[in-house]
Structure formats: structure tokens, C-alpha cells
C-alpha atoms as a PDB file:
ATOM      1  CA  UNK A   1       7.675  18.201  -4.002  1.00  0.00           C
ATOM      2  CA  UNK A   2       5.735  14.973  -3.644  1.00  0.00           C
ATOM      3  CA  UNK A   3       5.516  13.579  -0.136  1.00  0.00           C
ATOM      4  CA  UNK A   4       3.943  10.244   0.784  1.00  0.00           C
ATOM      5  CA  UNK A   5       3.515   9.333   4.443  1.00  0.00           C
ATOM      6  CA  UNK A   6       2.456   5.799   5.364  1.00  0.00           C
ATOM      7  CA  UNK A   7       0.926   4.743   8.666  1.00  0.00           C
ATOM      8  CA  UNK A   8      -0.962   1.849  10.193  1.00  0.00           C
ATOM      9  CA  UNK A   9       1.664  -0.853  10.255  1.00  0.00           C
ATOM     10  CA  UNK A  10       2.368  -2.977  13.289  1.00  0.00           C
ATOM     11  CA  UNK A  11       2.514  -6.433  14.804  1.00  0.00           C
ATOM     12  CA  UNK A  12      -0.518  -8.664  14.303  1.00  0.00           C
ATOM     13  CA  UNK A  13      -1.281 -12.335  14.830  1.00  0.00           C
ATOM     14  CA  UNK A  14      -1.847 -14.586  11.845  1.00  0.00           C
ATOM     15  CA  UNK A  15      -5.457 -14.318  10.738  1.00  0.00           C
ATOM     16  CA  UNK A  16      -5.679 -10.722  11.888  1.00  0.00           C
ATOM     17  CA  UNK A  17      -6.329  -7.510  10.006  1.00  0.00           C
ATOM     18  CA  UNK A  18      -4.636  -4.167   9.473  1.00  0.00           C
ATOM     19  CA  UNK A  19      -5.430  -1.017   7.545  1.00  0.00           C
ATOM     20  CA  UNK A  20      -2.545   0.940   6.094  1.00  0.00           C
ATOM     21  CA  UNK A  21      -2.933   4.574   5.081  1.00  0.00           C
ATOM     22  CA  UNK A  22      -0.844   6.772   2.825  1.00  0.00           C
ATOM     23  CA  UNK A  23      -1.331  10.530   2.863  1.00  0.00           C
ATOM     24  CA  UNK A  24      -0.076  12.328  -0.233  1.00  0.00           C
ATOM     25  CA  UNK A  25       0.907  15.950  -0.711  1.00  0.00           C
ATOM     26  CA  UNK A  26       2.497  17.915  -3.517  1.00  0.00           C
ATOM     27  CA  UNK A  27       0.716  15.846  -6.146  1.00  0.00           C
ATOM     28  CA  UNK A  28      -2.469  16.095  -8.192  1.00  0.00           C
ATOM     29  CA  UNK A  29      -3.796  13.130  -6.281  1.00  0.00           C
ATOM     30  CA  UNK A  30      -7.057  12.656  -8.173  1.00  0.00           C
ATOM     31  CA  UNK A  31      -5.215  11.967 -11.461  1.00  0.00           C
ATOM     32  CA  UNK A  32      -2.386   9.918  -9.992  1.00  0.00           C
ATOM     33  CA  UNK A  33      -2.119   6.134  -9.975  1.00  0.00           C
ATOM     34  CA  UNK A  34      -1.482   5.018  -6.416  1.00  0.00           C
ATOM     35  CA  UNK A  35      -0.084   1.732  -5.271  1.00  0.00           C
ATOM     36  CA  UNK A  36       1.250  -0.365  -2.440  1.00  0.00           C
ATOM     37  CA  UNK A  37       4.425  -2.415  -2.701  1.00  0.00           C
ATOM     38  CA  UNK A  38       6.227  -4.515  -0.117  1.00  0.00           C
ATOM     39  CA  UNK A  39       9.720  -5.743   0.532  1.00  0.00           C
ATOM     40  CA  UNK A  40      10.464  -8.692   2.760  1.00  0.00           C
ATOM     41  CA  UNK A  41      13.953  -9.299   4.166  1.00  0.00           C
ATOM     42  CA  UNK A  42      16.238 -10.680   1.491  1.00  0.00           C
ATOM     43  CA  UNK A  43      13.669 -10.180  -1.270  1.00  0.00           C
ATOM     44  CA  UNK A  44      13.029  -7.584  -3.927  1.00  0.00           C
ATOM     45  CA  UNK A  45      10.295  -4.993  -3.623  1.00  0.00           C
ATOM     46  CA  UNK A  46       7.102  -6.389  -5.137  1.00  0.00           C
ATOM     47  CA  UNK A  47       3.713  -5.098  -6.173  1.00  0.00           C
ATOM     48  CA  UNK A  48       0.840  -5.590  -3.739  1.00  0.00           C
ATOM     49  CA  UNK A  49      -1.942  -3.518  -5.331  1.00  0.00           C
ATOM     50  CA  UNK A  50      -2.595  -0.468  -7.464  1.00  0.00           C
ATOM     51  CA  UNK A  51      -5.583   1.800  -8.040  1.00  0.00           C
ATOM     52  CA  UNK A  52      -6.064   4.205 -10.925  1.00  0.00           C
ATOM     53  CA  UNK A  53      -7.639   7.622 -10.806  1.00  0.00           C
ATOM     54  CA  UNK A  54     -10.859   6.018 -12.047  1.00  0.00           C
ATOM     55  CA  UNK A  55     -10.842   3.395  -9.310  1.00  0.00           C
ATOM     56  CA  UNK A  56      -9.670   0.386 -11.311  1.00  0.00           C
ATOM     57  CA  UNK A  57      -7.662  -1.982  -9.140  1.00  0.00           C
ATOM     58  CA  UNK A  58      -4.980  -4.584  -9.655  1.00  0.00           C
ATOM     59  CA  UNK A  59      -3.668  -7.077  -7.098  1.00  0.00           C
ATOM     60  CA  UNK A  60      -0.824  -9.501  -6.725  1.00  0.00           C
ATOM     61  CA  UNK A  61      -2.109 -13.069  -6.835  1.00  0.00           C
ATOM     62  CA  UNK A  62      -0.820 -13.680  -3.314  1.00  0.00           C
ATOM     63  CA  UNK A  63      -3.170 -11.077  -1.798  1.00  0.00           C
ATOM     64  CA  UNK A  64      -6.285 -11.406  -3.973  1.00  0.00           C
ATOM     65  CA  UNK A  65      -9.366 -11.920  -1.845  1.00  0.00           C
ATOM     66  CA  UNK A  66      -7.574 -10.800   1.331  1.00  0.00           C
ATOM     67  CA  UNK A  67      -6.420  -7.233   0.598  1.00  0.00           C
ATOM     68  CA  UNK A  68      -8.415  -4.271  -0.697  1.00  0.00           C
ATOM     69  CA  UNK A  69      -6.957  -1.032  -2.002  1.00  0.00           C
ATOM     70  CA  UNK A  70      -9.072   2.107  -1.983  1.00  0.00           C
ATOM     71  CA  UNK A  71      -8.632   5.848  -2.267  1.00  0.00           C
ATOM     72  CA  UNK A  72     -10.262   8.997  -0.924  1.00  0.00           C
ATOM     73  CA  UNK A  73      -9.504  11.807  -3.343  1.00  0.00           C
ATOM     74  CA  UNK A  74     -10.983  14.389  -0.979  1.00  0.00           C
ATOM     75  CA  UNK A  75      -8.387  13.420   1.638  1.00  0.00           C
ATOM     76  CA  UNK A  76      -5.506  12.699  -0.775  1.00  0.00           C
ATOM     77  CA  UNK A  77      -5.195   9.316   0.898  1.00  0.00           C
ATOM     78  CA  UNK A  78      -4.911   5.739  -0.310  1.00  0.00           C
ATOM     79  CA  UNK A  79      -5.655   2.765   1.919  1.00  0.00           C
ATOM     80  CA  UNK A  80      -4.764  -0.908   2.019  1.00  0.00           C
ATOM     81  CA  UNK A  81      -7.139  -3.032   4.058  1.00  0.00           C
ATOM     82  CA  UNK A  82      -5.793  -6.483   4.791  1.00  0.00           C
ATOM     83  CA  UNK A  83      -7.595  -9.481   6.249  1.00  0.00           C
ATOM     84  CA  UNK A  84      -6.519 -13.020   7.115  1.00  0.00           C
ATOM     85  CA  UNK A  85      -2.897 -11.936   7.348  1.00  0.00           C
ATOM     86  CA  UNK A  86      -0.245 -14.625   7.032  1.00  0.00           C
ATOM     87  CA  UNK A  87       3.357 -14.718   8.277  1.00  0.00           C
ATOM     88  CA  UNK A  88       4.492 -14.443   4.654  1.00  0.00           C
ATOM     89  CA  UNK A  89       2.833 -11.016   4.494  1.00  0.00           C
ATOM     90  CA  UNK A  90       5.533  -9.734   6.849  1.00  0.00           C
ATOM     91  CA  UNK A  91       7.362  -6.930   5.037  1.00  0.00           C
ATOM     92  CA  UNK A  92       8.027  -3.228   4.820  1.00  0.00           C
ATOM     93  CA  UNK A  93       5.067  -1.766   2.934  1.00  0.00           C
ATOM     94  CA  UNK A  94       5.648   1.217   0.672  1.00  0.00           C
ATOM     95  CA  UNK A  95       3.202   3.661  -0.837  1.00  0.00           C
ATOM     96  CA  UNK A  96       3.813   4.631  -4.471  1.00  0.00           C
ATOM     97  CA  UNK A  97       2.511   7.431  -6.694  1.00  0.00           C
ATOM     98  CA  UNK A  98       2.822   7.433 -10.488  1.00  0.00           C
ATOM     99  CA  UNK A  99       1.832  10.147 -12.949  1.00  0.00           C
ATOM    100  CA  UNK A 100       3.339  10.168 -16.379  1.00  0.00           C
ATOM    101  CA  UNK A 101       7.024   9.465 -16.014  1.00  0.00           C
ATOM    102  CA  UNK A 102       7.148  10.630 -12.415  1.00  0.00           C
ATOM    103  CA  UNK A 103       7.291   8.138  -9.556  1.00  0.00           C
ATOM    104  CA  UNK A 104       7.425   8.824  -5.832  1.00  0.00           C
ATOM    105  CA  UNK A 105       7.822   6.526  -2.823  1.00  0.00           C
ATOM    106  CA  UNK A 106       7.012   6.811   0.837  1.00  0.00           C
ATOM    107  CA  UNK A 107       9.386   5.806   3.606  1.00  0.00           C
ATOM    108  CA  UNK A 108       7.535   2.571   4.359  1.00  0.00           C
ATOM    109  CA  UNK A 109       5.613   1.104   7.265  1.00  0.00           C
ATOM    110  CA  UNK A 110       6.482  -2.252   8.814  1.00  0.00           C
ATOM    111  CA  UNK A 111       3.934  -5.049   8.963  1.00  0.00           C
ATOM    112  CA  UNK A 112       4.864  -8.083  11.031  1.00  0.00           C
ATOM    113  CA  UNK A 113       2.575 -11.109  11.184  1.00  0.00           C
ATOM    114  CA  UNK A 114       3.268 -13.539  14.010  1.00  0.00           C
ATOM    115  CA  UNK A 115       2.403 -17.206  13.594  1.00  0.00           C
END
């Protein structure tokens, strides 16, 4: 059974930084596409960034140049480093794993950016 556990969220001032982590188990991590999504109150869940098994990345336009997704296959962990956080980045951030037709989600970690 796939399990994704996020950590690293919290309250930060605008302009600050955070690093989110997602530890995966029960999955062939090295061949799995990993991603981060977020859901703000009253809004739909939206893509933040993804990273393939080969390290190719994709970002939402709203976070390009401020967020970096990376992965450590030896630790079965994916990271999301964020800089210059804005109040509009406030959301529940979810880790996502995709392989073939299988998709798994973590429970989410809250990021709150104070203005």
C-alpha cells in the first residue's frame, strides 16, 4: 500500500522560505512521477510542480522562479523548496505519486503566509 507523508509546513512571513518534504513508502519510488499540489480555501486543488523519474520538472506559472521541486531516490523523498513566499501561496499542500494508472495522495501539510 502506497503511503505518502508530508512535513515542513507552517506559518511564515511574506518573503520567507519553507521546504516541504514527502516521504514515500510502498511504491517503486525511482520510477514514479512525484508532484506537489495545493488547495486554497474555496478553490480547487491545483498543480504546483512535478518531477519525473529522470528529473524533468514542470511548474505552475505562479511559482516559476520561486519554487524548486527535487527528489532523493535513495531516501524515497521528494522536496519542494519555496522562496519569496506570498500570501496567495497559502494553501494545504499535497504530495502526489503517479505510476501508470495508479495515483496516490498524502494527507497534506498546511502552509500559511502572513502579509
